[in-house]
Protein backbone atom coordinates (compact mmCIF):
# COMPACT_ATOMS: atom_id res chain seq x y z
CA MET A 1 -37.50 -127.99 75.89
CA LYS A 2 -34.82 -128.75 78.65
CA GLN A 3 -33.32 -125.03 78.00
CA ARG A 4 -36.13 -123.15 77.79
CA PHE A 5 -37.33 -125.19 81.08
CA GLY A 6 -33.94 -123.89 82.65
CA LEU A 7 -35.11 -120.26 81.18
CA LEU A 8 -39.18 -120.83 83.02
CA ILE A 9 -37.08 -121.36 86.62
CA LEU A 10 -34.98 -118.22 86.29
CA LEU A 11 -37.46 -116.01 84.69
CA VAL A 12 -39.90 -116.92 87.85
CA LEU A 13 -36.57 -116.62 90.61
CA SER A 14 -36.08 -112.68 88.78
CA GLY A 15 -39.97 -112.15 89.16
CA CYS A 16 -39.79 -112.15 92.72
CA ALA A 17 -36.43 -111.39 93.40
CA THR A 18 -35.73 -108.21 96.22
CA LYS A 19 -32.29 -107.27 97.80
CA GLU A 20 -33.33 -109.27 101.21
CA PHE A 21 -34.50 -112.59 99.02
CA ASP A 22 -31.93 -114.88 99.50
CA VAL A 23 -31.11 -116.68 96.19
CA THR A 24 -28.02 -118.41 96.90
CA LEU A 25 -29.61 -121.77 97.68
CA PRO A 26 -31.70 -122.25 94.15
CA LEU A 27 -29.42 -120.54 92.11
CA LEU A 28 -26.76 -123.93 93.51
CA MET A 29 -29.55 -126.18 92.95
CA LEU A 30 -30.32 -124.90 89.48
CA PHE A 31 -26.74 -124.73 88.04
CA SER A 32 -26.18 -128.32 89.60
CA VAL A 33 -29.08 -129.53 88.21
CA LEU A 34 -28.02 -128.16 84.60
CA ALA A 35 -24.10 -129.47 84.96
CA LEU A 36 -26.34 -132.98 85.12
CA VAL A 37 -28.29 -132.22 82.04
CA PHE A 38 -25.47 -130.89 80.25
CA PHE A 39 -23.33 -133.83 81.16
CA THR A 40 -25.81 -136.57 80.48
CA TYR A 41 -26.63 -135.09 77.35
CA TRP A 42 -22.83 -134.52 76.31
CA MET A 43 -21.83 -138.31 76.86
CA TRP A 44 -24.74 -139.46 74.99
CA ASN A 45 -24.23 -137.61 72.36
CA LEU A 46 -20.52 -138.44 72.40
CA ARG A 47 -21.57 -142.02 72.36
CA SER A 48 -23.60 -141.91 69.18
CA GLN A 49 -20.69 -139.71 67.35
CA HIS A 50 -18.54 -141.51 65.03
CA PRO A 51 -15.38 -139.68 65.05
CA GLN A 52 -14.45 -138.85 61.25
CA PRO A 53 -10.55 -140.15 59.88
CA GLY A 54 -8.33 -139.18 61.57
CA THR A 55 -10.28 -137.70 64.42
CA ARG A 56 -10.28 -138.60 68.24
CA LYS A 57 -13.31 -139.18 70.49
CA TYR A 58 -10.81 -138.44 73.88
CA PRO A 59 -8.61 -136.07 74.39
CA ASN A 60 -4.36 -136.48 74.96
CA PRO A 61 -2.25 -134.83 77.22
CA ILE A 62 -1.66 -131.70 75.57
CA GLU A 63 -5.38 -130.67 75.27
CA LEU A 64 -5.85 -132.05 78.97
CA LEU A 65 -3.26 -129.24 80.15
CA ILE A 66 -4.52 -126.78 78.07
CA GLY A 67 -7.96 -127.25 79.97
CA ALA A 68 -6.17 -127.29 83.39
CA VAL A 69 -4.08 -123.90 82.40
CA THR A 70 -6.38 -121.71 81.41
CA ASP A 71 -9.45 -123.16 83.57
CA PHE A 72 -6.77 -122.54 86.27
CA PHE A 73 -6.48 -118.69 85.42
CA ASP A 74 -9.91 -118.04 84.26
CA THR A 75 -11.28 -118.54 87.94
CA LEU A 76 -8.69 -115.63 88.92
CA GLY A 77 -10.51 -113.45 86.53
CA ILE A 78 -8.37 -113.39 83.39
CA GLY A 79 -10.66 -115.13 81.19
CA SER A 80 -10.99 -118.56 78.92
CA PHE A 81 -11.80 -118.33 75.93
CA ALA A 82 -8.87 -115.85 73.86
CA PRO A 83 -6.39 -117.75 75.74
CA THR A 84 -7.88 -121.22 74.75
CA THR A 85 -8.05 -119.69 71.20
CA ALA A 86 -4.54 -119.09 71.43
CA PHE A 87 -3.48 -122.26 72.52
CA PHE A 88 -5.35 -124.15 70.09
CA ARG A 89 -4.45 -122.00 66.67
CA MET A 90 -0.77 -122.49 67.58
CA GLY A 91 -0.99 -126.08 67.94
CA ARG A 92 -3.53 -126.34 64.78
CA ILE A 93 -5.67 -128.33 67.39
CA VAL A 94 -9.31 -127.56 66.70
CA PRO A 95 -10.13 -125.88 63.05
CA ASP A 96 -11.33 -122.41 63.01
CA GLU A 97 -14.78 -123.71 62.33
CA LEU A 98 -15.02 -125.55 65.40
CA LEU A 99 -13.92 -123.04 67.80
CA PRO A 100 -17.30 -121.59 68.87
CA GLY A 101 -18.57 -125.04 69.53
CA THR A 102 -15.09 -126.07 71.52
CA LEU A 103 -14.62 -123.73 73.82
CA ASN A 104 -18.25 -123.70 74.77
CA VAL A 105 -18.72 -127.57 75.35
CA GLY A 106 -15.18 -127.88 76.89
CA HIS A 107 -15.03 -124.54 79.40
CA THR A 108 -19.49 -125.53 80.41
CA LEU A 109 -18.28 -127.50 83.57
CA PRO A 110 -15.49 -125.70 84.97
CA THR A 111 -17.19 -122.36 84.24
CA ILE A 112 -20.55 -124.42 86.56
CA ALA A 113 -17.50 -124.90 88.82
CA GLN A 114 -16.75 -121.07 89.64
CA ALA A 115 -20.19 -120.34 90.02
CA LEU A 116 -20.85 -122.72 92.61
CA ILE A 117 -17.91 -121.73 94.62
CA PHE A 118 -18.42 -117.66 94.10
CA ILE A 119 -21.86 -116.99 94.40
CA GLN A 120 -21.31 -118.48 97.71
CA LEU A 121 -18.19 -116.11 98.80
CA VAL A 122 -19.71 -112.83 97.25
CA PRO A 123 -22.46 -110.94 98.16
CA VAL A 124 -24.41 -109.37 95.10
CA ALA A 125 -27.90 -107.63 95.26
CA THR A 126 -30.18 -110.55 94.15
CA ASP A 127 -32.62 -107.72 92.23
CA THR A 128 -29.33 -107.37 90.03
CA LEU A 129 -27.70 -110.65 90.16
CA LEU A 130 -30.35 -112.65 88.85
CA PRO A 131 -32.12 -110.47 86.14
CA MET A 132 -28.32 -110.54 84.71
CA ILE A 133 -27.86 -113.85 84.56
CA LEU A 134 -31.51 -114.06 83.04
CA SER A 135 -30.56 -111.88 80.14
CA ALA A 136 -27.20 -113.62 79.54
CA GLY A 137 -29.03 -116.71 79.06
CA ILE A 138 -31.94 -115.58 76.86
CA GLY A 139 -29.07 -114.08 74.64
CA ALA A 140 -26.82 -117.05 74.75
CA TRP A 141 -30.00 -119.00 73.67
CA MET A 142 -30.79 -117.24 70.93
CA GLY A 143 -26.65 -116.55 69.19
CA ALA A 144 -26.40 -120.37 69.72
CA GLY A 145 -28.71 -120.69 67.04
CA VAL A 146 -27.23 -118.41 64.37
CA ALA A 147 -23.34 -119.55 65.38
CA GLY A 148 -24.22 -122.92 64.45
CA ARG A 149 -24.78 -122.23 61.10
CA LEU A 150 -21.86 -119.90 60.37
CA PRO A 151 -19.48 -120.76 57.39
CA ARG A 152 -16.17 -120.73 58.09
CA PHE A 153 -14.85 -117.03 57.04
CA GLN A 154 -17.74 -115.29 59.01
CA ILE A 155 -16.43 -117.32 62.14
CA ARG A 156 -12.92 -116.31 61.43
CA LEU A 157 -13.64 -112.64 60.99
CA GLY A 158 -16.05 -112.28 63.83
CA MET A 159 -13.97 -114.26 66.63
CA GLY A 160 -10.97 -112.49 64.97
CA MET A 161 -12.57 -108.88 65.94
CA ALA A 162 -13.76 -110.05 69.00
CA LEU A 163 -10.36 -111.12 70.46
CA LEU A 164 -8.88 -107.25 69.18
CA ILE A 165 -11.91 -106.08 71.39
CA ALA A 166 -10.87 -108.36 73.81
CA ALA A 167 -7.06 -107.43 74.00
CA THR A 168 -7.73 -103.93 73.56
CA ILE A 169 -10.09 -104.01 76.89
CA MET A 170 -7.36 -106.00 78.80
CA LEU A 171 -4.79 -103.58 77.77
CA LEU A 172 -6.61 -100.54 78.72
CA SER A 173 -7.60 -101.98 82.32
CA LEU A 174 -3.52 -102.71 82.86
CA LEU A 175 -2.90 -99.16 81.53
CA LYS A 176 -5.55 -98.21 83.99
CA VAL A 177 -7.19 -96.03 81.53
CA LEU A 178 -10.46 -97.71 82.13
CA PRO A 179 -12.16 -97.25 85.86
CA ALA A 180 -11.36 -99.58 88.60
CA GLY A 181 -14.57 -99.54 89.99
CA GLU A 182 -16.40 -98.65 93.21
CA ASP A 183 -17.63 -100.57 96.25
CA ALA A 184 -21.41 -101.10 95.07
CA LEU A 185 -22.94 -104.72 95.13
CA GLY A 186 -26.54 -103.88 93.41
CA LEU A 187 -27.32 -101.66 90.36
CA ILE A 188 -30.77 -99.13 90.22
CA GLY A 189 -32.31 -97.26 87.79
CA TRP A 190 -30.68 -96.57 84.80
CA LYS A 191 -27.53 -98.32 85.32
CA TRP A 192 -29.41 -101.41 86.36
CA TRP A 193 -31.59 -101.25 82.87
CA PHE A 194 -28.13 -100.77 81.44
CA GLY A 195 -26.78 -103.77 83.24
CA VAL A 196 -29.53 -106.25 82.46
CA ALA A 197 -29.39 -105.15 78.04
CA GLY A 198 -25.36 -105.31 78.24
CA ASN A 199 -25.48 -108.78 79.78
CA PHE A 200 -28.29 -109.78 77.37
CA VAL A 201 -25.65 -108.66 74.20
CA LEU A 202 -22.53 -110.44 75.98
CA GLY A 203 -24.74 -113.48 76.03
CA LEU A 204 -25.93 -113.21 72.50
CA LEU A 205 -22.26 -112.69 71.75
CA MET A 206 -21.05 -115.91 73.96
CA PRO A 207 -21.57 -118.74 71.32
CA LEU A 208 -19.38 -116.95 68.52
CA GLY A 209 -16.85 -117.81 71.14
CA ILE A 210 -16.52 -114.63 72.23
CA GLY A 211 -15.37 -114.22 76.09
CA LEU A 212 -17.59 -112.33 78.96
CA TYR A 213 -15.38 -112.38 81.56
CA ALA A 214 -13.35 -109.40 80.49
CA PRO A 215 -16.23 -107.14 79.23
CA CYS A 216 -18.88 -108.46 81.87
CA MET A 217 -16.65 -106.67 84.45
CA ILE A 218 -15.53 -103.40 83.00
CA MET A 219 -19.16 -103.07 82.07
CA VAL A 220 -19.96 -103.69 86.42
CA SER A 221 -16.82 -101.58 87.14
CA LEU A 222 -18.17 -98.43 84.62
CA LEU A 223 -21.62 -99.21 86.47
CA GLY A 224 -19.97 -98.05 89.62
CA MET A 225 -20.11 -101.60 90.91
CA SER A 226 -17.34 -103.07 93.13
CA PRO A 227 -14.91 -105.97 91.04
CA LEU A 228 -16.07 -108.49 93.21
CA ALA A 229 -19.23 -108.24 92.40
CA ALA A 230 -18.47 -108.90 89.05
CA PHE A 231 -17.11 -112.63 89.34
CA PRO A 232 -20.53 -113.85 90.73
CA ILE A 233 -22.57 -112.70 87.79
CA MET A 234 -19.92 -113.07 85.06
CA MET A 235 -19.86 -116.42 86.31
CA GLY A 236 -23.07 -117.14 87.03
CA SER A 237 -24.27 -115.79 83.76
CA CYS A 238 -21.70 -118.28 82.12
CA ALA A 239 -22.52 -121.09 84.22
CA PHE A 240 -26.39 -120.68 83.48
CA LEU A 241 -25.65 -119.77 79.15
CA MET A 242 -23.24 -122.01 78.53
CA PRO A 243 -25.10 -125.27 78.92
CA ILE A 244 -28.26 -123.51 76.44
CA SER A 245 -25.39 -123.07 73.52
CA SER A 246 -23.40 -126.11 74.54
CA MET A 247 -26.01 -128.54 73.40
CA ARG A 248 -27.20 -126.99 70.47
CA PHE A 249 -23.11 -127.12 69.68
CA CYS A 250 -23.47 -131.14 70.39
CA GLN A 251 -26.98 -131.31 68.75
CA ASN A 252 -25.17 -130.24 65.50
CA LYS A 253 -21.64 -131.99 66.31
CA LYS A 254 -20.09 -128.51 65.38
CA TYR A 255 -17.27 -128.84 67.89
CA SER A 256 -13.76 -131.16 68.60
CA ALA A 257 -15.04 -133.68 70.48
CA SER A 258 -11.30 -134.79 72.20
CA ALA A 259 -10.50 -131.04 72.75
CA ALA A 260 -13.49 -129.88 74.30
CA LEU A 261 -13.22 -132.88 76.41
CA GLY A 262 -9.59 -132.47 77.63
CA LEU A 263 -10.88 -128.92 78.70
CA ALA A 264 -13.53 -130.08 80.67
CA LEU A 265 -11.15 -132.89 82.44
CA GLY A 266 -8.47 -130.55 82.80
CA GLY A 267 -10.01 -128.03 83.69
CA VAL A 268 -12.35 -128.77 86.96
CA PRO A 269 -9.50 -129.58 89.13
CA ALA A 270 -7.75 -126.90 87.84
CA VAL A 271 -10.42 -124.84 89.14
CA LEU A 272 -10.90 -125.88 92.76
CA LEU A 273 -6.91 -125.77 92.58
CA ALA A 274 -7.27 -121.57 92.04
CA ALA A 275 -10.25 -121.12 94.36
CA PHE A 276 -9.39 -122.76 97.34
CA LEU A 277 -5.84 -123.38 97.12
CA VAL A 278 -4.06 -120.09 95.15
CA LYS A 279 -3.94 -116.83 97.61
CA SER A 280 -1.93 -114.46 95.02
CA LEU A 281 0.17 -115.16 91.70
CA PRO A 282 1.56 -111.80 89.79
CA LEU A 283 -1.66 -111.27 87.33
CA ASP A 284 -0.72 -108.30 85.35
CA SER A 285 2.11 -110.09 84.34
CA VAL A 286 0.46 -113.10 82.91
CA ARG A 287 -2.31 -109.98 81.33
CA TRP A 288 0.21 -108.59 79.46
CA VAL A 289 1.39 -111.84 77.95
CA VAL A 290 -2.30 -112.57 77.29
CA VAL A 291 -2.73 -109.20 75.70
CA GLY A 292 0.49 -110.05 73.38
CA VAL A 293 -0.59 -113.94 72.23
CA VAL A 294 -4.35 -112.47 72.01
CA THR A 295 -3.35 -109.65 69.77
CA ILE A 296 -1.45 -112.28 67.09
CA VAL A 297 -4.20 -114.98 67.14
CA ALA A 298 -6.63 -112.29 66.12
CA ALA A 299 -4.30 -110.91 62.89
CA SER A 300 -4.21 -114.21 61.87
CA LEU A 301 -7.72 -115.12 62.19
CA LEU A 302 -8.56 -112.00 60.18
CA PHE A 303 -5.94 -112.70 57.39
CA ALA A 304 -6.77 -116.06 56.66
CA ALA A 305 -10.96 -115.02 56.72
CA PHE A 306 -9.61 -111.94 54.21
CA LYS A 307 -7.59 -114.37 52.52
CA GLU A 308 -10.42 -116.87 52.05
CA LYS A 309 -12.41 -114.48 51.10
CA ARG A 310 -10.43 -113.31 48.20
């Protein structure tokens, strides 16, 4: 019910969207309400959840550090899902079948914090921003119901292929094969329809643990928008869709409570640090490292999936 109410509010805002209509304040209010609703529901769910033998409800320092590092670079446009997956798999912290839920639940609050910051800093045409956020939310609402029921083999296979695609996109961007984008802050005509449909697909895949940032940034650049315009679009989309999908993961308890809490507690302060204090970093060097690590993790997931299938 809460998810449908949020979709209805954004649908109404999208229906009255024009380039002149300033939607910043309504979006900030909507994201703040979503954060409060999600946090309340998560804490209630966490209190009622009885941990299985050998598991914990509360994070250790490693899980907090992973949250801080991944969300710090997420705020700078690196993306958090792929690096977090790499850390969790290398440290054997989260079982593969719980990875999608843990990524979505744990990174929800840091992502909402990013959206609250960047929607105020970067102006994007309202008639582009709102429909793209709405389409991603609808996709996530549909995808979360499927992701929570998938067996481990399919999760491993899907995440492995998705990570390979993400690494390829990042590699092509580093090699300057993909366009850097132009200076448009909105979409019109067929580009508008392509952008809205593309964000729906990205939202549909998000509950499977497939990050939206890198493909969204590439998509808006291909459509001729400024790369800066991707920040409020991708962060706003994730801030809207992640509470929706995450509450479903909480409901069916398909996530690691301690790891998700570590991502949230470590991630929110790191977002504020990156957004307000960091002016420049050698991000290309970081991206090369991420490409290498993510490729290795993708290969290990695919190998594990095929081994399990046999």
